[in-house]
C-alpha atoms as a PDB file:
ATOM      1  CA  UNK A   1     158.231 118.683 -81.103  1.00  0.00           C
ATOM      2  CA  UNK A   2     156.142 122.047 -81.337  1.00  0.00           C
ATOM      3  CA  UNK A   3     157.781 125.383 -80.733  1.00  0.00           C
ATOM      4  CA  UNK A   4     155.674 128.129 -79.576  1.00  0.00           C
ATOM      5  CA  UNK A   5     157.017 131.722 -79.609  1.00  0.00           C
ATOM      6  CA  UNK A   6     155.979 133.934 -76.806  1.00  0.00           C
ATOM      7  CA  UNK A   7     154.110 136.955 -78.252  1.00  0.00           C
ATOM      8  CA  UNK A   8     154.118 139.970 -76.069  1.00  0.00           C
ATOM      9  CA  UNK A   9     150.505 141.615 -76.191  1.00  0.00           C
ATOM     10  CA  UNK A  10     149.570 145.091 -75.620  1.00  0.00           C
ATOM     11  CA  UNK A  11     147.943 143.868 -72.094  1.00  0.00           C
ATOM     12  CA  UNK A  12     151.130 142.172 -71.080  1.00  0.00           C
ATOM     13  CA  UNK A  13     153.043 145.324 -72.077  1.00  0.00           C
ATOM     14  CA  UNK A  14     150.555 147.534 -70.127  1.00  0.00           C
ATOM     15  CA  UNK A  15     150.876 145.384 -67.029  1.00  0.00           C
ATOM     16  CA  UNK A  16     154.597 145.575 -67.283  1.00  0.00           C
ATOM     17  CA  UNK A  17     154.728 149.389 -67.581  1.00  0.00           C
ATOM     18  CA  UNK A  18     152.206 149.782 -64.940  1.00  0.00           C
ATOM     19  CA  UNK A  19     154.310 147.828 -62.272  1.00  0.00           C
ATOM     20  CA  UNK A  20     157.500 149.587 -63.245  1.00  0.00           C
ATOM     21  CA  UNK A  21     155.819 152.740 -62.914  1.00  0.00           C
ATOM     22  CA  UNK A  22     154.174 151.781 -59.474  1.00  0.00           C
ATOM     23  CA  UNK A  23     157.443 150.102 -58.225  1.00  0.00           C
ATOM     24  CA  UNK A  24     159.300 153.344 -59.077  1.00  0.00           C
ATOM     25  CA  UNK A  25     156.893 155.586 -57.312  1.00  0.00           C
ATOM     26  CA  UNK A  26     157.173 153.403 -54.060  1.00  0.00           C
ATOM     27  CA  UNK A  27     160.669 153.316 -54.353  1.00  0.00           C
ATOM     28  CA  UNK A  28     160.996 157.122 -54.603  1.00  0.00           C
ATOM     29  CA  UNK A  29     158.921 157.487 -51.451  1.00  0.00           C
ATOM     30  CA  UNK A  30     160.749 154.629 -49.516  1.00  0.00           C
ATOM     31  CA  UNK A  31     164.063 156.367 -50.410  1.00  0.00           C
ATOM     32  CA  UNK A  32     162.734 159.489 -48.972  1.00  0.00           C
ATOM     33  CA  UNK A  33     161.383 157.811 -45.767  1.00  0.00           C
ATOM     34  CA  UNK A  34     164.911 156.094 -45.344  1.00  0.00           C
ATOM     35  CA  UNK A  35     166.639 159.107 -45.604  1.00  0.00           C
ATOM     36  CA  UNK A  36     164.777 160.714 -42.832  1.00  0.00           C
ATOM     37  CA  UNK A  37     163.080 163.681 -44.269  1.00  0.00           C
ATOM     38  CA  UNK A  38     159.839 162.474 -45.542  1.00  0.00           C
ATOM     39  CA  UNK A  39     157.671 164.963 -47.060  1.00  0.00           C
ATOM     40  CA  UNK A  40     160.340 167.534 -47.991  1.00  0.00           C
ATOM     41  CA  UNK A  41     160.476 166.759 -51.753  1.00  0.00           C
ATOM     42  CA  UNK A  42     162.846 168.473 -54.064  1.00  0.00           C
ATOM     43  CA  UNK A  43     162.374 169.147 -57.569  1.00  0.00           C
ATOM     44  CA  UNK A  44     164.042 166.095 -58.675  1.00  0.00           C
ATOM     45  CA  UNK A  45     161.939 163.865 -56.535  1.00  0.00           C
ATOM     46  CA  UNK A  46     158.697 165.593 -57.853  1.00  0.00           C
ATOM     47  CA  UNK A  47     159.893 165.187 -61.373  1.00  0.00           C
ATOM     48  CA  UNK A  48     160.659 161.469 -60.755  1.00  0.00           C
ATOM     49  CA  UNK A  49     157.174 160.775 -59.049  1.00  0.00           C
ATOM     50  CA  UNK A  50     155.477 162.572 -62.016  1.00  0.00           C
ATOM     51  CA  UNK A  51     157.362 160.221 -64.399  1.00  0.00           C
ATOM     52  CA  UNK A  52     156.346 157.352 -62.411  1.00  0.00           C
ATOM     53  CA  UNK A  53     152.679 158.539 -62.657  1.00  0.00           C
ATOM     54  CA  UNK A  54     152.959 158.989 -66.181  1.00  0.00           C
ATOM     55  CA  UNK A  55     154.257 155.447 -66.630  1.00  0.00           C
ATOM     56  CA  UNK A  56     151.213 154.208 -64.796  1.00  0.00           C
ATOM     57  CA  UNK A  57     148.919 156.136 -66.966  1.00  0.00           C
ATOM     58  CA  UNK A  58     150.507 154.760 -69.951  1.00  0.00           C
ATOM     59  CA  UNK A  59     150.319 151.192 -68.678  1.00  0.00           C
ATOM     60  CA  UNK A  60     146.801 151.488 -67.750  1.00  0.00           C
ATOM     61  CA  UNK A  61     145.990 153.098 -71.284  1.00  0.00           C
ATOM     62  CA  UNK A  62     147.234 149.876 -72.764  1.00  0.00           C
ATOM     63  CA  UNK A  63     145.237 147.639 -70.692  1.00  0.00           C
ATOM     64  CA  UNK A  64     141.984 147.710 -72.691  1.00  0.00           C
ATOM     65  CA  UNK A  65     143.738 147.054 -76.097  1.00  0.00           C
ATOM     66  CA  UNK A  66     143.617 143.214 -75.384  1.00  0.00           C
ATOM     67  CA  UNK A  67     145.466 140.349 -76.771  1.00  0.00           C
ATOM     68  CA  UNK A  68     146.763 142.264 -79.826  1.00  0.00           C
ATOM     69  CA  UNK A  69     150.512 142.015 -80.370  1.00  0.00           C
ATOM     70  CA  UNK A  70     152.385 144.908 -79.304  1.00  0.00           C
END
């Protein structure tokens, strides 16, 4: 019986970070829409959106690094 270990590559990590950032961005916008004051962003929401965009940028930067282990 052979056993293969899962190796997380830089591409897999990039996709995961990109998805977390995108879900966070959509979550902040959705929460604002559900509260009823869509478009009226406070400083905390702007900081959260900027952080999510930063996560997306980090994830995209890892994608071209390929199948090397993270």
